[in-house]
């Protein structure tokens, strides 16, 4: 399964920060296909945040309190063309990647 790595510190609501290398994975995604308008489909993607790739692989509990972004990405827009041509995994990863790249420009990568 693809993951997104954040190559900079992630601030938490507790006031502490995760060091560079935290991992975001897709938990679930929802596309409201019936509400398509002008070639865009409204969507929402829930994610899980882990302190590191090792933490994720070892089954650590997800971190639920990032302050830089919400782990539930609402108000996303998926293109109809992408919806029809990409795998669900790629479609959701791309949507979250693009959103995270707005928060951390040039500091995110897909693994």
N, C-alpha and C. Protein backbone atom coordinates (compact mmCIF):
# COMPACT_ATOMS: atom_id res chain seq x y z
N UNK A 1 0.84 -1.17 0.00
CA UNK A 1 0.00 0.00 0.00
C UNK A 1 0.89 1.25 0.00
N UNK A 2 0.50 2.24 -0.78
CA UNK A 2 1.26 3.48 -0.85
C UNK A 2 1.06 4.29 0.42
N UNK A 3 2.11 5.03 0.77
CA UNK A 3 2.11 5.90 1.93
C UNK A 3 2.63 7.27 1.50
N UNK A 4 2.34 8.27 2.29
CA UNK A 4 2.88 9.61 2.05
C UNK A 4 3.80 9.95 3.21
N UNK A 5 5.00 10.36 2.88
CA UNK A 5 5.99 10.73 3.90
C UNK A 5 6.09 12.25 3.94
N UNK A 6 6.08 12.80 5.14
CA UNK A 6 6.24 14.24 5.34
C UNK A 6 7.67 14.49 5.81
N UNK A 7 8.45 15.17 4.98
CA UNK A 7 9.87 15.38 5.23
C UNK A 7 10.17 16.69 5.96
N UNK A 8 9.36 16.99 6.93
CA UNK A 8 9.56 18.15 7.80
C UNK A 8 8.77 17.89 9.08
N UNK A 9 8.98 18.73 10.08
CA UNK A 9 8.28 18.55 11.36
C UNK A 9 6.77 18.75 11.18
N UNK A 10 6.00 17.98 11.93
CA UNK A 10 4.55 18.11 11.95
C UNK A 10 4.15 18.55 13.36
N UNK A 11 3.48 19.68 13.46
CA UNK A 11 3.05 20.20 14.76
C UNK A 11 1.78 19.50 15.23
N UNK A 12 1.72 19.23 16.53
CA UNK A 12 0.56 18.60 17.14
C UNK A 12 -0.15 19.62 18.03
N UNK A 13 -1.42 19.39 18.29
CA UNK A 13 -2.19 20.33 19.12
C UNK A 13 -1.68 20.37 20.55
N UNK A 14 -0.95 19.36 20.97
CA UNK A 14 -0.38 19.32 22.32
C UNK A 14 0.79 20.28 22.49
N UNK A 15 1.27 20.84 21.38
CA UNK A 15 2.40 21.75 21.44
C UNK A 15 3.72 21.11 21.09
N UNK A 16 3.76 19.80 20.99
CA UNK A 16 5.00 19.14 20.57
C UNK A 16 4.96 18.94 19.06
N UNK A 17 6.09 18.56 18.49
CA UNK A 17 6.19 18.33 17.06
C UNK A 17 6.77 16.95 16.78
N UNK A 18 6.27 16.33 15.73
CA UNK A 18 6.87 15.10 15.25
C UNK A 18 8.07 15.48 14.40
N UNK A 19 9.16 14.75 14.49
CA UNK A 19 10.30 15.06 13.62
C UNK A 19 9.99 14.70 12.17
N UNK A 20 10.81 15.17 11.28
CA UNK A 20 10.68 14.83 9.87
C UNK A 20 10.58 13.33 9.69
N UNK A 21 9.74 12.89 8.76
CA UNK A 21 9.63 11.46 8.46
C UNK A 21 8.33 10.83 8.89
N UNK A 22 7.35 11.63 9.31
CA UNK A 22 6.07 11.03 9.68
C UNK A 22 5.37 10.49 8.43
N UNK A 23 4.47 9.56 8.65
CA UNK A 23 3.81 8.84 7.56
C UNK A 23 2.29 9.04 7.63
N UNK A 24 1.69 9.28 6.48
CA UNK A 24 0.24 9.38 6.36
C UNK A 24 -0.24 8.25 5.46
N UNK A 25 -1.25 7.52 5.92
CA UNK A 25 -1.84 6.45 5.12
C UNK A 25 -3.34 6.70 5.00
N UNK A 26 -3.92 6.19 3.95
CA UNK A 26 -5.36 6.33 3.71
C UNK A 26 -6.11 5.34 4.60
N UNK A 27 -7.12 5.83 5.31
CA UNK A 27 -7.99 4.96 6.09
C UNK A 27 -9.24 4.63 5.28
N UNK A 28 -9.86 5.67 4.70
CA UNK A 28 -11.03 5.46 3.86
C UNK A 28 -11.27 6.70 3.02
N UNK A 29 -11.97 6.50 1.92
CA UNK A 29 -12.30 7.61 1.05
C UNK A 29 -13.75 7.54 0.61
N UNK A 30 -14.31 8.71 0.37
CA UNK A 30 -15.70 8.80 -0.07
C UNK A 30 -15.78 9.79 -1.22
N UNK A 31 -16.36 9.35 -2.32
CA UNK A 31 -16.59 10.23 -3.47
C UNK A 31 -18.10 10.33 -3.69
N UNK A 32 -18.60 11.54 -3.73
CA UNK A 32 -20.03 11.79 -3.91
C UNK A 32 -20.32 11.92 -5.41
N UNK A 33 -20.26 10.79 -6.11
CA UNK A 33 -20.35 10.76 -7.57
C UNK A 33 -21.64 11.40 -8.08
N UNK A 34 -22.72 11.22 -7.37
CA UNK A 34 -24.00 11.78 -7.82
C UNK A 34 -24.01 13.31 -7.82
N UNK A 35 -23.05 13.91 -7.10
CA UNK A 35 -22.99 15.38 -7.01
C UNK A 35 -21.94 15.98 -7.95
N UNK A 36 -21.52 15.20 -8.95
CA UNK A 36 -20.53 15.69 -9.92
C UNK A 36 -21.03 16.98 -10.56
N UNK A 37 -20.14 17.93 -10.70
CA UNK A 37 -20.49 19.21 -11.31
C UNK A 37 -19.26 19.74 -12.04
N UNK A 38 -19.44 20.08 -13.28
CA UNK A 38 -18.38 20.67 -14.10
C UNK A 38 -17.11 19.83 -14.11
N UNK A 39 -17.28 18.52 -14.18
CA UNK A 39 -16.14 17.60 -14.27
C UNK A 39 -15.43 17.33 -12.97
N UNK A 40 -16.01 17.75 -11.85
CA UNK A 40 -15.40 17.54 -10.54
C UNK A 40 -16.37 16.78 -9.62
N UNK A 41 -15.83 15.86 -8.85
CA UNK A 41 -16.60 15.06 -7.91
C UNK A 41 -16.17 15.43 -6.49
N UNK A 42 -17.12 15.87 -5.65
CA UNK A 42 -16.77 16.16 -4.26
C UNK A 42 -16.33 14.88 -3.55
N UNK A 43 -15.32 15.02 -2.68
CA UNK A 43 -14.80 13.84 -1.99
C UNK A 43 -14.28 14.19 -0.61
N UNK A 44 -14.11 13.16 0.18
CA UNK A 44 -13.54 13.27 1.52
C UNK A 44 -12.66 12.05 1.74
N UNK A 45 -11.49 12.26 2.34
CA UNK A 45 -10.57 11.16 2.60
C UNK A 45 -10.11 11.23 4.05
N UNK A 46 -10.31 10.15 4.78
CA UNK A 46 -9.82 10.04 6.15
C UNK A 46 -8.46 9.36 6.13
N UNK A 47 -7.53 9.91 6.89
CA UNK A 47 -6.17 9.37 6.92
C UNK A 47 -5.75 9.04 8.34
N UNK A 48 -4.64 8.34 8.43
CA UNK A 48 -4.01 8.04 9.71
C UNK A 48 -2.58 8.57 9.66
N UNK A 49 -2.14 9.19 10.75
CA UNK A 49 -0.79 9.76 10.84
C UNK A 49 0.02 8.94 11.83
N UNK A 50 1.24 8.59 11.42
CA UNK A 50 2.16 7.85 12.28
C UNK A 50 3.47 8.62 12.40
N UNK A 51 4.15 8.48 13.52
CA UNK A 51 5.38 9.22 13.78
C UNK A 51 6.49 8.90 12.77
N UNK A 52 6.48 7.67 12.27
CA UNK A 52 7.52 7.23 11.33
C UNK A 52 7.04 6.00 10.57
N UNK A 53 7.79 5.64 9.56
CA UNK A 53 7.45 4.42 8.82
C UNK A 53 7.60 3.19 9.71
N UNK A 54 8.60 3.20 10.57
CA UNK A 54 8.79 2.08 11.51
C UNK A 54 7.61 1.97 12.45
N UNK A 55 7.14 3.09 12.96
CA UNK A 55 5.97 3.07 13.86
C UNK A 55 4.76 2.48 13.15
N UNK A 56 4.55 2.87 11.91
CA UNK A 56 3.43 2.34 11.12
C UNK A 56 3.58 0.83 10.93
N UNK A 57 4.77 0.41 10.50
CA UNK A 57 5.00 -1.01 10.22
C UNK A 57 4.92 -1.87 11.47
N UNK A 58 5.23 -1.28 12.64
CA UNK A 58 5.20 -2.04 13.89
C UNK A 58 3.84 -1.98 14.59
N UNK A 59 2.84 -1.37 13.93
CA UNK A 59 1.49 -1.36 14.46
C UNK A 59 1.24 -0.36 15.58
N UNK A 60 2.02 0.70 15.62
CA UNK A 60 1.81 1.74 16.64
C UNK A 60 0.43 2.38 16.45
N UNK A 61 -0.05 3.00 17.48
CA UNK A 61 -1.32 3.71 17.42
C UNK A 61 -1.14 4.98 16.60
N UNK A 62 -2.12 5.28 15.77
CA UNK A 62 -2.06 6.50 14.95
C UNK A 62 -2.14 7.73 15.84
N UNK A 63 -1.52 8.80 15.40
CA UNK A 63 -1.53 10.09 16.09
C UNK A 63 -2.75 10.86 15.59
N UNK A 64 -3.56 11.32 16.52
CA UNK A 64 -4.86 11.89 16.14
C UNK A 64 -4.95 13.40 16.24
N UNK A 65 -3.87 14.07 16.64
CA UNK A 65 -4.00 15.49 16.92
C UNK A 65 -3.02 16.41 16.17
N UNK A 66 -2.84 16.22 14.86
CA UNK A 66 -1.98 17.20 14.17
C UNK A 66 -2.67 18.57 14.14
N UNK A 67 -1.89 19.62 14.31
CA UNK A 67 -2.49 20.95 14.24
C UNK A 67 -2.28 21.60 12.88
N UNK A 68 -1.34 21.10 12.11
CA UNK A 68 -1.06 21.68 10.79
C UNK A 68 -2.12 21.32 9.75
N UNK A 69 -2.79 20.20 9.95
CA UNK A 69 -3.82 19.74 9.02
C UNK A 69 -4.78 18.81 9.75
N UNK A 70 -5.96 18.65 9.19
CA UNK A 70 -6.92 17.70 9.74
C UNK A 70 -6.69 16.35 9.08
N UNK A 71 -6.69 15.25 9.85
CA UNK A 71 -6.51 13.94 9.23
C UNK A 71 -7.69 13.54 8.33
N UNK A 72 -8.79 14.29 8.41
CA UNK A 72 -9.91 14.07 7.50
C UNK A 72 -9.90 15.22 6.50
N UNK A 73 -9.57 14.88 5.26
CA UNK A 73 -9.48 15.89 4.20
C UNK A 73 -10.86 16.03 3.55
N UNK A 74 -11.55 17.09 3.90
CA UNK A 74 -12.88 17.36 3.38
C UNK A 74 -12.79 18.36 2.24
N UNK A 75 -13.87 18.52 1.54
CA UNK A 75 -13.96 19.50 0.44
C UNK A 75 -12.94 19.25 -0.67
N UNK A 76 -12.57 18.00 -0.87
CA UNK A 76 -11.69 17.66 -1.99
C UNK A 76 -12.51 17.60 -3.26
N UNK A 77 -11.86 17.83 -4.39
CA UNK A 77 -12.50 17.71 -5.69
C UNK A 77 -11.67 16.73 -6.53
N UNK A 78 -12.30 15.67 -6.99
CA UNK A 78 -11.65 14.68 -7.86
C UNK A 78 -12.13 14.91 -9.28
N UNK A 79 -11.22 14.90 -10.23
CA UNK A 79 -11.67 15.07 -11.61
C UNK A 79 -12.37 13.79 -12.08
N UNK A 80 -13.39 13.95 -12.89
CA UNK A 80 -14.12 12.81 -13.43
C UNK A 80 -13.18 11.93 -14.24
N UNK A 81 -12.30 12.54 -15.00
CA UNK A 81 -11.35 11.77 -15.82
C UNK A 81 -10.47 10.90 -14.93
N UNK A 82 -9.93 11.48 -13.85
CA UNK A 82 -9.11 10.69 -12.92
C UNK A 82 -9.93 9.59 -12.27
N UNK A 83 -11.15 9.90 -11.89
CA UNK A 83 -12.04 8.92 -11.27
C UNK A 83 -12.27 7.72 -12.20
N UNK A 84 -12.35 8.00 -13.49
CA UNK A 84 -12.62 6.96 -14.47
C UNK A 84 -11.37 6.20 -14.90
N UNK A 85 -10.19 6.77 -14.69
CA UNK A 85 -8.99 6.15 -15.24
C UNK A 85 -7.95 5.69 -14.21
N UNK A 86 -7.98 6.23 -13.02
CA UNK A 86 -6.99 5.86 -12.00
C UNK A 86 -7.55 4.81 -11.05
N UNK A 87 -6.63 4.06 -10.44
CA UNK A 87 -7.06 3.12 -9.39
C UNK A 87 -7.52 3.94 -8.18
N UNK A 88 -8.35 3.33 -7.35
CA UNK A 88 -8.84 4.03 -6.15
C UNK A 88 -7.67 4.47 -5.28
N UNK A 89 -6.67 3.59 -5.13
CA UNK A 89 -5.51 3.94 -4.31
C UNK A 89 -4.81 5.18 -4.85
N UNK A 90 -4.52 5.20 -6.14
CA UNK A 90 -3.83 6.35 -6.73
C UNK A 90 -4.66 7.62 -6.64
N UNK A 91 -5.95 7.49 -6.87
CA UNK A 91 -6.85 8.65 -6.81
C UNK A 91 -6.83 9.28 -5.41
N UNK A 92 -6.93 8.45 -4.38
CA UNK A 92 -6.96 8.96 -3.01
C UNK A 92 -5.59 9.47 -2.56
N UNK A 93 -4.54 8.74 -2.89
CA UNK A 93 -3.18 9.18 -2.55
C UNK A 93 -2.89 10.53 -3.19
N UNK A 94 -3.23 10.68 -4.47
CA UNK A 94 -2.97 11.94 -5.18
C UNK A 94 -3.72 13.10 -4.52
N UNK A 95 -4.96 12.88 -4.14
CA UNK A 95 -5.76 13.93 -3.52
C UNK A 95 -5.15 14.37 -2.19
N UNK A 96 -4.75 13.42 -1.36
CA UNK A 96 -4.15 13.75 -0.07
C UNK A 96 -2.76 14.36 -0.27
N UNK A 97 -1.99 13.80 -1.18
CA UNK A 97 -0.66 14.35 -1.48
C UNK A 97 -0.77 15.83 -1.86
N UNK A 98 -1.70 16.15 -2.75
CA UNK A 98 -1.86 17.53 -3.19
C UNK A 98 -2.25 18.44 -2.04
N UNK A 99 -3.12 17.97 -1.16
CA UNK A 99 -3.52 18.76 0.00
C UNK A 99 -2.36 18.97 0.97
N UNK A 100 -1.62 17.91 1.24
CA UNK A 100 -0.47 18.03 2.14
C UNK A 100 0.63 18.90 1.53
N UNK A 101 0.77 18.85 0.22
CA UNK A 101 1.79 19.66 -0.44
C UNK A 101 1.47 21.15 -0.32
N UNK A 102 0.21 21.49 -0.14
CA UNK A 102 -0.15 22.89 0.11
C UNK A 102 0.29 23.32 1.51
N UNK A 103 0.25 22.40 2.47
CA UNK A 103 0.65 22.70 3.85
C UNK A 103 2.18 22.67 3.99
N UNK A 104 2.80 21.69 3.34
CA UNK A 104 4.25 21.49 3.41
C UNK A 104 4.82 21.50 1.98
N UNK A 105 4.90 22.64 1.34
CA UNK A 105 5.34 22.68 -0.07
C UNK A 105 6.70 22.01 -0.30
N UNK A 106 6.69 21.05 -1.22
CA UNK A 106 7.92 20.34 -1.59
C UNK A 106 8.48 19.43 -0.52
N UNK A 107 7.73 19.20 0.55
CA UNK A 107 8.22 18.39 1.67
C UNK A 107 7.48 17.07 1.82
N UNK A 108 6.68 16.68 0.83
CA UNK A 108 5.95 15.42 0.90
C UNK A 108 6.33 14.55 -0.29
N UNK A 109 6.30 13.24 -0.07
CA UNK A 109 6.60 12.28 -1.14
C UNK A 109 5.76 11.03 -0.96
N UNK A 110 5.46 10.40 -2.07
CA UNK A 110 4.72 9.14 -2.04
C UNK A 110 5.72 8.00 -2.00
N UNK A 111 5.52 7.09 -1.07
CA UNK A 111 6.37 5.90 -0.95
C UNK A 111 5.65 4.68 -1.49
